Protein backbone atom coordinates (compact mmCIF):
# COMPACT_ATOMS: atom_id res chain seq x y z
CA UNK A 1 6.36 -8.03 15.53
CA UNK A 2 7.01 -7.72 19.22
CA UNK A 3 10.73 -7.81 19.77
CA UNK A 4 10.47 -10.03 22.68
CA UNK A 5 8.83 -12.97 20.76
CA UNK A 6 9.93 -14.64 17.69
CA UNK A 7 8.46 -17.59 15.91
CA UNK A 8 9.00 -19.63 12.99
CA UNK A 9 7.05 -19.41 9.75
CA UNK A 10 4.96 -22.57 10.48
CA UNK A 11 3.28 -20.69 13.23
CA UNK A 12 1.63 -18.93 10.44
CA UNK A 13 1.40 -21.67 7.83
CA UNK A 14 0.49 -24.29 10.31
CA UNK A 15 -2.35 -22.26 11.83
CA UNK A 16 -5.39 -24.54 11.99
CA UNK A 17 -7.57 -22.17 10.07
CA UNK A 18 -4.84 -22.33 7.13
CA UNK A 19 -4.38 -26.05 7.34
CA UNK A 20 -8.57 -26.06 7.03
CA UNK A 21 -8.37 -23.72 4.06
CA UNK A 22 -5.73 -25.71 2.07
CA UNK A 23 -7.89 -28.87 2.78
CA UNK A 24 -10.96 -26.89 1.44
CA UNK A 25 -8.95 -26.24 -1.80
CA UNK A 26 -7.81 -29.75 -2.06
CA UNK A 27 -11.40 -31.22 -1.90
CA UNK A 28 -12.38 -28.67 -4.68
CA UNK A 29 -9.69 -29.03 -6.99
CA UNK A 30 -7.70 -32.14 -6.28
CA UNK A 31 -8.31 -35.13 -8.85
CA UNK A 32 -9.34 -38.30 -7.01
CA UNK A 33 -6.56 -40.53 -5.82
CA UNK A 34 -3.76 -38.00 -6.29
CA UNK A 35 -1.64 -35.90 -3.76
CA UNK A 36 -2.47 -32.16 -3.61
CA UNK A 37 -1.90 -31.26 -7.19
CA UNK A 38 -4.90 -29.11 -7.79
CA UNK A 39 -5.29 -30.39 -11.32
CA UNK A 40 -8.95 -29.11 -11.51
CA UNK A 41 -8.09 -25.54 -10.89
CA UNK A 42 -7.89 -23.39 -13.87
CA UNK A 43 -7.49 -19.59 -13.50
CA UNK A 44 -5.27 -18.81 -16.61
CA UNK A 45 -4.12 -19.98 -19.95
CA UNK A 46 -0.59 -19.26 -19.28
CA UNK A 47 1.64 -21.85 -18.05
CA UNK A 48 5.38 -22.58 -17.55
CA UNK A 49 7.44 -25.89 -17.87
CA UNK A 50 6.53 -26.95 -14.46
CA UNK A 51 2.74 -26.39 -14.91
CA UNK A 52 2.47 -23.31 -12.87
CA UNK A 53 -0.28 -21.02 -13.99
CA UNK A 54 0.29 -17.29 -14.30
CA UNK A 55 -1.62 -14.15 -13.39
CA UNK A 56 -0.93 -10.46 -12.95
CA UNK A 57 -1.39 -9.19 -9.49
CA UNK A 58 -2.07 -5.67 -7.78
CA UNK A 59 -1.87 -5.30 -4.13
CA UNK A 60 -3.17 -2.45 -2.01
CA UNK A 61 -1.50 -0.61 0.67
CA UNK A 62 -2.24 -0.73 4.29
CA UNK A 63 0.60 -0.54 6.66
CA UNK A 64 1.03 -3.52 9.20
CA UNK A 65 -2.27 -4.92 7.44
CA UNK A 66 0.32 -6.10 4.53
CA UNK A 67 0.78 -9.33 6.60
CA UNK A 68 -2.77 -10.35 5.33
CA UNK A 69 -1.28 -9.95 1.68
CA UNK A 70 1.42 -12.50 2.53
CA UNK A 71 -1.46 -14.85 3.79
CA UNK A 72 -3.29 -14.32 0.45
CA UNK A 73 -0.21 -14.97 -1.81
CA UNK A 74 0.78 -17.71 0.14
CA UNK A 75 -2.48 -19.65 -0.87
CA UNK A 76 -2.11 -18.59 -4.35
CA UNK A 77 1.46 -19.94 -4.53
CA UNK A 78 0.54 -23.19 -2.83
CA UNK A 79 -1.86 -23.96 -5.58
CA UNK A 80 0.75 -23.40 -8.09
CA UNK A 81 -0.22 -19.81 -9.13
CA UNK A 82 2.74 -17.72 -10.26
CA UNK A 83 3.06 -13.96 -11.06
CA UNK A 84 3.78 -12.25 -14.35
CA UNK A 85 3.27 -8.59 -13.86
CA UNK A 86 3.14 -7.20 -10.43
CA UNK A 87 2.20 -3.76 -8.91
CA UNK A 88 1.51 -2.16 -5.48
CA UNK A 89 1.65 0.77 -3.19
CA UNK A 90 2.94 1.08 0.22
CA UNK A 91 2.64 -2.09 2.05
CA UNK A 92 1.51 -3.57 -1.26
CA UNK A 93 4.89 -2.28 -2.92
CA UNK A 94 6.71 -4.05 -0.02
CA UNK A 95 5.15 -7.53 -0.80
CA UNK A 96 5.28 -6.90 -4.65
CA UNK A 97 8.97 -6.07 -4.48
CA UNK A 98 9.77 -9.23 -2.26
CA UNK A 99 7.67 -11.36 -4.66
CA UNK A 100 9.95 -10.26 -7.39
CA UNK A 101 13.23 -10.55 -5.51
CA UNK A 102 12.72 -13.32 -3.07
CA UNK A 103 12.40 -16.31 -5.33
CA UNK A 104 11.06 -19.95 -4.26
CA UNK A 105 13.51 -22.48 -3.17
CA UNK A 106 12.51 -25.33 -5.56
CA UNK A 107 14.87 -27.76 -4.14
CA UNK A 108 13.18 -27.45 -0.59
CA UNK A 109 9.63 -26.90 -2.21
CA UNK A 110 9.49 -23.55 -0.34
CA UNK A 111 7.38 -20.86 -2.05
CA UNK A 112 8.34 -17.14 -2.40
CA UNK A 113 5.78 -16.31 0.31
CA UNK A 114 6.99 -18.69 2.78
CA UNK A 115 10.41 -17.25 2.35
CA UNK A 116 9.14 -13.75 2.78
CA UNK A 117 7.37 -14.97 5.98
CA UNK A 118 10.91 -16.04 7.07
CA UNK A 119 12.25 -12.63 6.75
CA UNK A 120 8.95 -11.18 8.53
CA UNK A 121 9.43 -13.55 11.43
CA UNK A 122 13.06 -12.31 11.93
CA UNK A 123 12.19 -8.78 11.95
CA UNK A 124 10.40 -6.78 14.98
CA UNK A 125 8.16 -4.32 12.98
CA UNK A 126 8.60 -1.77 15.72
CA UNK A 127 12.22 -1.30 14.67
CA UNK A 128 10.83 0.60 11.78
CA UNK A 129 9.78 3.22 14.26
CA UNK A 130 13.13 4.70 14.32
CA UNK A 131 12.63 8.10 15.49
CA UNK A 132 13.64 9.87 18.74
CA UNK A 133 13.21 7.79 21.89
CA UNK A 134 10.36 10.03 23.27
CA UNK A 135 8.43 9.97 19.68
CA UNK A 136 8.79 6.10 19.87
CA UNK A 137 7.47 5.92 23.52
CA UNK A 138 4.52 8.34 22.55
CA UNK A 139 3.63 6.34 19.39
CA UNK A 140 3.65 3.16 21.28
CA UNK A 141 1.22 4.85 23.88
CA UNK A 142 -1.05 6.49 21.19
CA UNK A 143 -1.46 3.08 19.34
CA UNK A 144 -2.26 1.17 22.56
CA UNK A 145 -4.66 3.97 24.08
CA UNK A 146 -8.30 3.31 23.28
CA UNK A 147 -10.08 6.48 22.00
CA UNK A 148 -6.94 8.60 22.16
CA UNK A 149 -8.32 11.49 20.08
CA UNK A 150 -11.19 11.79 22.47
CA UNK A 151 -9.08 11.93 25.55
CA UNK A 152 -6.94 14.65 23.94
CA UNK A 153 -10.03 16.69 23.10
CA UNK A 154 -11.41 16.38 26.75
CA UNK A 155 -8.08 17.13 28.14
CA UNK A 156 -7.89 20.33 26.00
CA UNK A 157 -11.55 21.19 27.03
CA UNK A 158 -10.86 20.69 30.76
CA UNK A 159 -7.60 22.60 30.64
CA UNK A 160 -9.41 25.46 28.92
CA UNK A 161 -12.56 25.45 31.35
CA UNK A 162 -10.03 25.38 34.37
CA UNK A 163 -8.11 28.27 33.06
CA UNK A 164 -11.01 30.25 32.52
CA UNK A 165 -12.39 29.40 36.06
CA UNK A 166 -9.11 30.51 37.80
CA UNK A 167 -8.92 33.77 35.71
CA UNK A 168 -12.36 34.55 36.98
CA UNK A 169 -11.38 33.40 40.53
CA UNK A 170 -8.20 35.50 40.27
CA UNK A 171 -10.23 38.72 39.51
CA UNK A 172 -13.08 38.04 42.13
CA UNK A 173 -10.60 37.31 44.88
CA UNK A 174 -8.37 40.20 44.13
CA UNK A 175 -11.36 42.46 44.39
CA UNK A 176 -12.69 40.91 47.60
CA UNK A 177 -9.23 40.57 49.43
CA UNK A 178 -9.01 44.46 49.87
CA UNK A 179 -12.22 44.37 52.12
CA UNK A 180 -12.21 40.84 53.24
CA UNK A 181 -8.47 39.54 54.25
CA UNK A 182 -9.63 35.89 54.23
CA UNK A 183 -9.79 36.00 50.35
CA UNK A 184 -6.24 37.12 50.33
CA UNK A 185 -5.14 33.37 50.84
CA UNK A 186 -7.58 32.08 48.15
CA UNK A 187 -6.33 34.64 45.78
CA UNK A 188 -2.75 33.39 46.13
CA UNK A 189 -3.89 29.86 45.77
CA UNK A 190 -5.58 31.00 42.50
CA UNK A 191 -2.77 32.98 41.15
CA UNK A 192 -0.35 29.74 41.79
CA UNK A 193 -2.64 27.51 39.73
CA UNK A 194 -3.25 29.94 37.05
CA UNK A 195 0.34 30.25 36.73
CA UNK A 196 0.93 26.65 36.44
CA UNK A 197 -1.81 26.25 33.78
CA UNK A 198 -0.33 29.38 31.70
CA UNK A 199 3.15 27.69 32.40
CA UNK A 200 1.96 24.34 31.02
CA UNK A 201 0.25 26.07 27.83
CA UNK A 202 3.31 27.99 27.11
CA UNK A 203 5.46 24.84 27.43
CA UNK A 204 3.04 23.04 25.19
CA UNK A 205 3.09 25.85 22.68
CA UNK A 206 6.86 25.96 22.56
CA UNK A 207 7.42 22.36 22.18
CA UNK A 208 4.70 22.19 19.59
CA UNK A 209 6.79 24.95 17.69
CA UNK A 210 9.81 22.97 18.25
CA UNK A 211 8.26 19.80 16.87
CA UNK A 212 6.97 21.51 13.86
CA UNK A 213 10.48 22.89 13.14
CA UNK A 214 11.95 19.43 13.65
CA UNK A 215 9.22 17.81 11.25
CA UNK A 216 10.25 20.53 8.57
CA UNK A 217 13.84 19.68 8.96
CA UNK A 218 13.23 16.17 8.90
CA UNK A 219 10.87 15.98 5.83
CA UNK A 220 7.81 16.39 8.02
CA UNK A 221 7.95 12.95 9.29
CA UNK A 222 8.64 11.37 13.05
CA UNK A 223 10.58 8.27 11.81
CA UNK A 224 13.55 8.52 9.31
CA UNK A 225 12.73 5.26 7.75
CA UNK A 226 16.57 4.29 7.63
CA UNK A 227 15.80 1.03 9.48
CA UNK A 228 13.20 -0.16 6.85
CA UNK A 229 15.53 1.08 4.12
CA UNK A 230 18.37 -0.97 5.44
CA UNK A 231 16.16 -4.04 5.97
CA UNK A 232 14.98 -3.93 2.28
CA UNK A 233 18.73 -3.43 1.11
CA UNK A 234 19.53 -6.68 3.38
CA UNK A 235 16.98 -8.60 1.78
CA UNK A 236 17.70 -7.59 -1.82
CA UNK A 237 21.48 -8.21 -1.24
CA UNK A 238 20.86 -11.52 -0.06
CA UNK A 239 18.86 -12.32 -3.21
CA UNK A 240 21.47 -10.78 -5.57
CA UNK A 241 19.89 -7.26 -6.20
CA UNK A 242 22.10 -4.30 -5.49
CA UNK A 243 21.32 -2.20 -8.67
CA UNK A 244 18.39 -1.23 -10.64
CA UNK A 245 19.63 -3.51 -13.23
CA UNK A 246 19.52 -6.39 -10.94
CA UNK A 247 16.07 -5.60 -9.89
CA UNK A 248 15.00 -5.30 -13.64
CA UNK A 249 16.84 -8.68 -14.36
CA UNK A 250 15.07 -10.71 -11.55
CA UNK A 251 11.82 -9.30 -11.89
CA UNK A 252 11.76 -9.38 -15.52
CA UNK A 253 12.96 -12.97 -16.10
CA UNK A 254 10.67 -14.88 -18.27
CA UNK A 255 9.73 -18.31 -16.72
CA UNK A 256 11.22 -21.33 -18.30
CA UNK A 257 9.05 -23.18 -21.03
CA UNK A 258 6.27 -20.32 -20.89
CA UNK A 259 3.27 -21.40 -22.96
CA UNK A 260 -0.31 -20.60 -23.67
CA UNK A 261 -2.86 -23.28 -23.75
CA UNK A 262 -6.13 -21.87 -25.13
CA UNK A 263 -6.90 -23.77 -28.34
CA UNK A 264 -7.48 -20.57 -30.40
CA UNK A 265 -8.72 -21.80 -33.84
CA UNK A 266 -7.87 -18.61 -35.34
CA UNK A 267 -4.03 -18.68 -34.63
CA UNK A 268 -1.62 -19.53 -37.43
CA UNK A 269 1.61 -21.50 -37.16
CA UNK A 270 3.58 -18.09 -37.35
CA UNK A 271 1.78 -16.61 -34.43
CA UNK A 272 3.71 -16.43 -30.98
CA UNK A 273 1.01 -16.88 -28.22
CA UNK A 274 3.53 -15.80 -25.61
CA UNK A 275 4.47 -12.49 -27.45
CA UNK A 276 4.48 -9.61 -24.98
CA UNK A 277 4.21 -11.79 -21.77
CA UNK A 278 7.02 -10.36 -19.96
CA UNK A 279 7.16 -9.90 -16.30
CA UNK A 280 7.69 -6.70 -14.45
CA UNK A 281 6.90 -4.69 -11.35
CA UNK A 282 5.72 -1.34 -10.63
CA UNK A 283 5.94 0.60 -7.35
CA UNK A 284 3.76 3.67 -6.83
CA UNK A 285 4.85 6.72 -5.04
CA UNK A 286 3.63 10.49 -4.92
CA UNK A 287 5.93 13.31 -5.70
CA UNK A 288 4.57 16.49 -3.79
CA UNK A 289 6.85 18.77 -5.50
CA UNK A 290 5.47 18.29 -8.99
CA UNK A 291 2.22 16.89 -7.93
CA UNK A 292 2.82 13.60 -9.81
CA UNK A 293 2.30 9.89 -9.67
CA UNK A 294 5.70 8.35 -10.11
CA UNK A 295 6.06 4.65 -11.11
CA UNK A 296 9.29 2.94 -10.13
CA UNK A 297 11.62 1.34 -11.29
CA UNK A 298 10.37 2.77 -14.80
CA UNK A 299 10.82 6.29 -14.19
CA UNK A 300 14.12 6.18 -11.96
CA UNK A 301 15.95 8.15 -14.91
CA UNK A 302 13.83 11.21 -14.18
CA UNK A 303 16.23 11.59 -11.29
CA UNK A 304 19.62 10.42 -12.05
CA UNK A 305 21.83 9.78 -15.17
CA UNK A 306 23.62 6.86 -13.77
CA UNK A 307 21.51 3.98 -12.09
CA UNK A 308 24.25 3.37 -9.78
CA UNK A 309 23.33 6.69 -7.75
CA UNK A 310 19.98 5.03 -6.69
CA UNK A 311 19.59 1.77 -4.88
CA UNK A 312 16.36 0.07 -5.66
CA UNK A 313 15.43 -0.17 -2.08
CA UNK A 314 14.70 3.56 -2.18
CA UNK A 315 11.74 2.78 -4.71
CA UNK A 316 9.94 0.89 -1.79
CA UNK A 317 10.89 3.42 0.87
CA UNK A 318 9.59 6.14 -1.44
CA UNK A 319 6.24 4.10 -1.74
CA UNK A 320 5.60 3.52 2.01
CA UNK A 321 6.43 7.05 3.10
CA UNK A 322 3.26 7.43 5.46
CA UNK A 323 2.97 11.34 5.78
CA UNK A 324 3.96 12.45 9.24
CA UNK A 325 4.79 8.94 10.56
CA UNK A 326 7.82 8.55 8.14
CA UNK A 327 9.79 11.19 6.76
CA UNK A 328 9.16 12.06 3.24
CA UNK A 329 11.76 10.51 0.90
CA UNK A 330 13.77 13.25 -0.90
CA UNK A 331 16.11 12.94 -3.97
CA UNK A 332 18.32 15.97 -4.22
CA UNK A 333 20.72 17.15 -6.81
CA UNK A 334 18.57 16.31 -9.92
CA UNK A 335 20.90 16.93 -12.98
CA UNK A 336 18.29 19.16 -14.50
CA UNK A 337 20.62 20.55 -17.02
CA UNK A 338 21.53 17.08 -18.57
CA UNK A 339 19.75 16.73 -22.05
CA UNK A 340 18.78 13.15 -21.27
CA UNK A 341 17.22 14.16 -18.01
CA UNK A 342 15.42 16.91 -19.81
CA UNK A 343 14.15 14.65 -22.51
CA UNK A 344 12.87 12.01 -19.91
CA UNK A 345 10.84 14.64 -18.06
CA UNK A 346 9.25 15.78 -21.40
CA UNK A 347 8.43 12.12 -22.22
CA UNK A 348 7.07 10.86 -19.03
CA UNK A 349 5.54 14.05 -17.46
CA UNK A 350 5.26 16.44 -20.40
CA UNK A 351 7.43 18.85 -18.39
CA UNK A 352 9.75 21.62 -20.07
CA UNK A 353 13.26 22.16 -18.78
CA UNK A 354 12.59 25.14 -16.99
CA UNK A 355 9.85 23.33 -14.84
CA UNK A 356 12.27 20.54 -13.59
CA UNK A 357 12.95 20.68 -9.94
CA UNK A 358 16.21 20.45 -8.31
CA UNK A 359 14.80 17.98 -5.75
CA UNK A 360 11.72 16.13 -5.38
CA UNK A 361 9.84 14.68 -2.21
CA UNK A 362 8.17 11.60 -2.02
CA UNK A 363 5.22 10.71 0.24
CA UNK A 364 3.20 7.29 0.25
CA UNK A 365 2.03 6.27 -2.96
CA UNK A 366 -1.54 5.77 -1.33
CA UNK A 367 -1.97 9.62 -1.43
CA UNK A 368 -2.68 9.26 -5.15
CA UNK A 369 -3.20 5.73 -5.88
CA UNK A 370 -3.51 3.08 -3.24
CA UNK A 371 -4.65 0.41 -5.70
CA UNK A 372 -2.96 0.74 -8.86
CA UNK A 373 -4.72 -1.67 -11.14
CA UNK A 374 -5.03 0.53 -14.08
CA UNK A 375 -1.15 -0.20 -14.43
CA UNK A 376 -1.87 -3.77 -15.50
CA UNK A 377 -4.45 -2.96 -18.17
CA UNK A 378 -3.68 -3.10 -21.66
CA UNK A 379 -6.54 -2.06 -23.83
CA UNK A 380 -4.95 -3.65 -27.01
CA UNK A 381 -5.43 -7.25 -25.63
CA UNK A 382 -8.55 -8.81 -27.32
CA UNK A 383 -8.49 -12.28 -25.78
CA UNK A 384 -6.68 -12.39 -22.40
CA UNK A 385 -4.04 -15.11 -21.80
CA UNK A 386 -4.19 -14.58 -18.18
CA UNK A 387 -6.19 -12.68 -15.62
CA UNK A 388 -5.39 -9.55 -13.56
CA UNK A 389 -5.90 -10.29 -9.81
CA UNK A 390 -5.98 -7.86 -7.07
CA UNK A 391 -5.86 -7.90 -3.23
CA UNK A 392 -7.89 -5.27 -1.36
CA UNK A 393 -7.51 -4.53 2.25
CA UNK A 394 -11.00 -3.38 3.45
CA UNK A 395 -10.62 -1.76 6.91
CA UNK A 396 -13.88 0.11 6.95
CA UNK A 397 -16.36 -0.39 9.83
CA UNK A 398 -19.81 -1.72 9.06
CA UNK A 399 -21.24 1.45 10.48
CA UNK A 400 -19.14 3.40 8.06
CA UNK A 401 -21.27 1.92 5.07
CA UNK A 402 -24.63 1.70 6.71
CA UNK A 403 -25.25 4.79 8.73
CA UNK A 404 -26.13 8.43 7.43
CA UNK A 405 -23.19 10.14 8.86
CA UNK A 406 -23.24 13.27 6.71
CA UNK A 407 -25.04 15.26 9.64
CA UNK A 408 -23.03 13.88 12.36
CA UNK A 409 -19.33 13.96 11.61
CA UNK A 410 -16.42 15.01 13.81
CA UNK A 411 -13.34 17.06 12.37
CA UNK A 412 -11.23 13.95 12.42
CA UNK A 413 -13.81 11.90 10.42
CA UNK A 414 -14.30 14.70 8.09
CA UNK A 415 -10.55 15.04 7.35
CA UNK A 416 -10.47 11.33 6.95
CA UNK A 417 -13.08 11.05 4.68
CA UNK A 418 -11.82 13.93 2.80
CA UNK A 419 -8.31 12.39 2.34
CA UNK A 420 -9.88 8.78 1.25
CA UNK A 421 -12.04 10.47 -1.25
CA UNK A 422 -8.83 12.07 -2.93
CA UNK A 423 -6.54 9.12 -2.64
CA UNK A 424 -9.13 6.42 -3.85
CA UNK A 425 -10.53 8.68 -6.68
CA UNK A 426 -8.38 7.53 -9.67
CA UNK A 427 -8.48 3.77 -8.64
CA UNK A 428 -12.32 3.75 -8.08
CA UNK A 429 -12.71 5.81 -11.45
CA UNK A 430 -10.94 3.14 -13.32
CA UNK A 431 -12.82 0.12 -11.80
CA UNK A 432 -16.13 2.04 -12.37
CA UNK A 433 -15.18 2.34 -16.10
CA UNK A 434 -13.72 -1.19 -16.27
CA UNK A 435 -15.91 -3.06 -13.67
CA UNK A 436 -15.09 -6.33 -15.17
CA UNK A 437 -11.70 -6.19 -13.27
CA UNK A 438 -13.71 -6.57 -10.20
CA UNK A 439 -14.14 -10.08 -10.96
CA UNK A 440 -10.57 -10.85 -10.30
CA UNK A 441 -10.28 -8.84 -7.08
CA UNK A 442 -10.27 -10.68 -3.60
CA UNK A 443 -11.19 -8.51 -0.43
CA UNK A 444 -9.47 -9.13 2.96
CA UNK A 445 -11.66 -7.56 5.83
CA UNK A 446 -9.43 -6.34 8.33
CA UNK A 447 -11.53 -3.62 10.38
CA UNK A 448 -10.61 -4.95 13.71
CA UNK A 449 -6.98 -4.04 13.29
CA UNK A 450 -4.94 -0.82 13.39
CA UNK A 451 -2.77 -0.23 10.25
CA UNK A 452 -0.26 1.76 12.10
CA UNK A 453 0.11 -0.66 14.93
CA UNK A 454 3.98 -1.48 14.44
CA UNK A 455 3.94 -3.19 17.89
CA UNK A 456 1.38 -5.65 16.79
CA UNK A 457 1.62 -8.81 18.75
CA UNK A 458 2.65 -11.83 16.97
CA UNK A 459 -0.96 -13.57 17.73
CA UNK A 460 -2.59 -10.67 15.89
CA UNK A 461 -0.29 -10.83 13.18
CA UNK A 462 -1.03 -14.68 12.61
CA UNK A 463 -4.89 -13.53 12.70
CA UNK A 464 -4.08 -11.18 9.70
CA UNK A 465 -2.28 -14.02 7.61
CA UNK A 466 -5.15 -16.26 8.44
CA UNK A 467 -7.59 -13.64 7.15
CA UNK A 468 -5.52 -13.28 3.94
CA UNK A 469 -5.46 -17.10 3.57
CA UNK A 470 -9.31 -17.42 4.03
CA UNK A 471 -10.06 -14.48 1.71
CA UNK A 472 -7.91 -16.09 -0.99
CA UNK A 473 -9.62 -19.37 -0.26
CA UNK A 474 -12.99 -17.99 -0.90
CA UNK A 475 -12.05 -15.99 -3.86
CA UNK A 476 -10.70 -19.29 -5.71
CA UNK A 477 -13.69 -21.49 -4.61
CA UNK A 478 -16.46 -19.03 -5.02
CA UNK A 479 -15.82 -15.97 -6.64
CA UNK A 480 -13.60 -16.41 -9.72
CA UNK A 481 -14.34 -18.32 -12.82
CA UNK A 482 -11.59 -18.11 -15.66
CA UNK A 483 -13.81 -18.92 -18.67
CA UNK A 484 -16.25 -16.44 -17.64
CA UNK A 485 -13.81 -13.87 -16.96
CA UNK A 486 -12.19 -14.56 -20.33
CA UNK A 487 -15.45 -14.45 -22.28
CA UNK A 488 -16.56 -11.17 -20.50
CA UNK A 489 -13.16 -9.59 -21.33
CA UNK A 490 -13.50 -10.45 -25.02
CA UNK A 491 -17.25 -9.04 -25.18
CA UNK A 492 -16.26 -5.84 -23.50
CA UNK A 493 -13.42 -5.33 -26.03
CA UNK A 494 -15.82 -5.78 -28.86
CA UNK A 495 -18.13 -3.34 -27.28
CA UNK A 496 -15.50 -0.80 -27.02
CA UNK A 497 -14.34 -1.44 -30.53
CA UNK A 498 -17.88 -1.10 -31.81
CA UNK A 499 -18.42 2.17 -29.93
CA UNK A 500 -15.23 3.57 -31.27
CA UNK A 501 -16.17 2.72 -34.80
CA UNK A 502 -19.31 4.37 -34.28
CA UNK A 503 -17.90 7.46 -32.97
CA UNK A 504 -15.32 7.51 -35.94
CA UNK A 505 -18.33 7.32 -38.44
CA UNK A 506 -20.07 10.09 -36.83
CA UNK A 507 -16.88 12.02 -36.88
CA UNK A 508 -16.51 11.27 -40.69
CA UNK A 509 -20.10 12.21 -41.30
CA UNK A 510 -19.72 15.60 -39.90
CA UNK A 511 -16.38 16.15 -41.57
CA UNK A 512 -18.12 15.35 -45.06
CA UNK A 513 -20.95 17.74 -44.26
CA UNK A 514 -18.48 20.71 -43.65
CA UNK A 515 -16.99 20.27 -47.11
């Protein structure tokens, strides 16, 4: 958010498009003659004492585009939807953590998303760009410069051409100046400009070497990310979280009066329909030392014996460590000789004591899993008691999907496609094998916005919030049907069980034939 302009949360929530979206939802789900209570909305069989419906929720990463995630969850919460299990990466990890930590103010009827919005309104996003002042100025310029990469390429090309031209001119004028003195002055002019170009290239090479060494010393990142970590610590502290135990306590609190309303005829009086319904959060980060996906807070004990040695804000910082833009988050001095540490590495990552590193380096969780919906999948559940919702941030241009660009691709586009292929593989693979989960995913189209624009104007922030609110509205009105989702989940589970039984039968026959 621009530092010179602060606005109240109502600037977002009272945007005409958001008000219209809420009215559309009221027209669809309100009972006649009642205030906005959305009684006709049914998206889950799991309720609490106040009648809130519960879903699991996974949120995708996307830099400053995460403002749209808040717009989406704002709509969900306004309709009485609350969250059981939460998972997210990068910007999705930020909103996931805030939803778990920043609880709603029931006395003032303010939802968690509205309180989160208040924190966002008070924080200039460009504060997170906390590197060297020259780097800050350069980042601000790069973000706002149209076709910056093309300008850099053109500048390099012209400098190369100029150097070749002046070198040739040096040679020609030097030879001619012996017979024709008039070329002596031209030669001097050519020498001077050749020297200027060579000095410029030498300075660029030297400064580039310095920057590379500086990046190496600082975790290969331009910005330390301390400002973000301090901001997260402040929010957590104001909401009673300063230790991992605090985070587990607030994120794992079972809602009062939790119940399941599904009229299951097969349930006996001794059955507990809420068994296993326990809230939790999962934040994804990538450890490039052991090449593993790490889930926080679950795996904190890989790196420390005492939880007091890690502040939970570090989990979020590790998840949002955008490579190069932010320094990678490093945990040093891992007590690898401690038996409990060795046991944890063995249990979580199947690594032997001699392979445990003394330090790990985390980069953005989106490098391995930017949309970790598989975290919330439980194959043992036959009949779902609540759905798994997901929020995707789609920043692809229409041309990216419609044109054949295989034969017309620049190096930057090639590297970008290569990186996206790797980071989306696991998430796409899961959804291909479990396509039913697509029914619970809402998509926010944000192709007109720069995900790294930390100096994004407040007006564009509101546009992102509106896009999130509108995407949630469309999803609830047009895209999601709880009964169809639940029935499909049951059918898929039965098909999987039947297939597994058939495979076991084939295996038994083969085993018998060998005897």
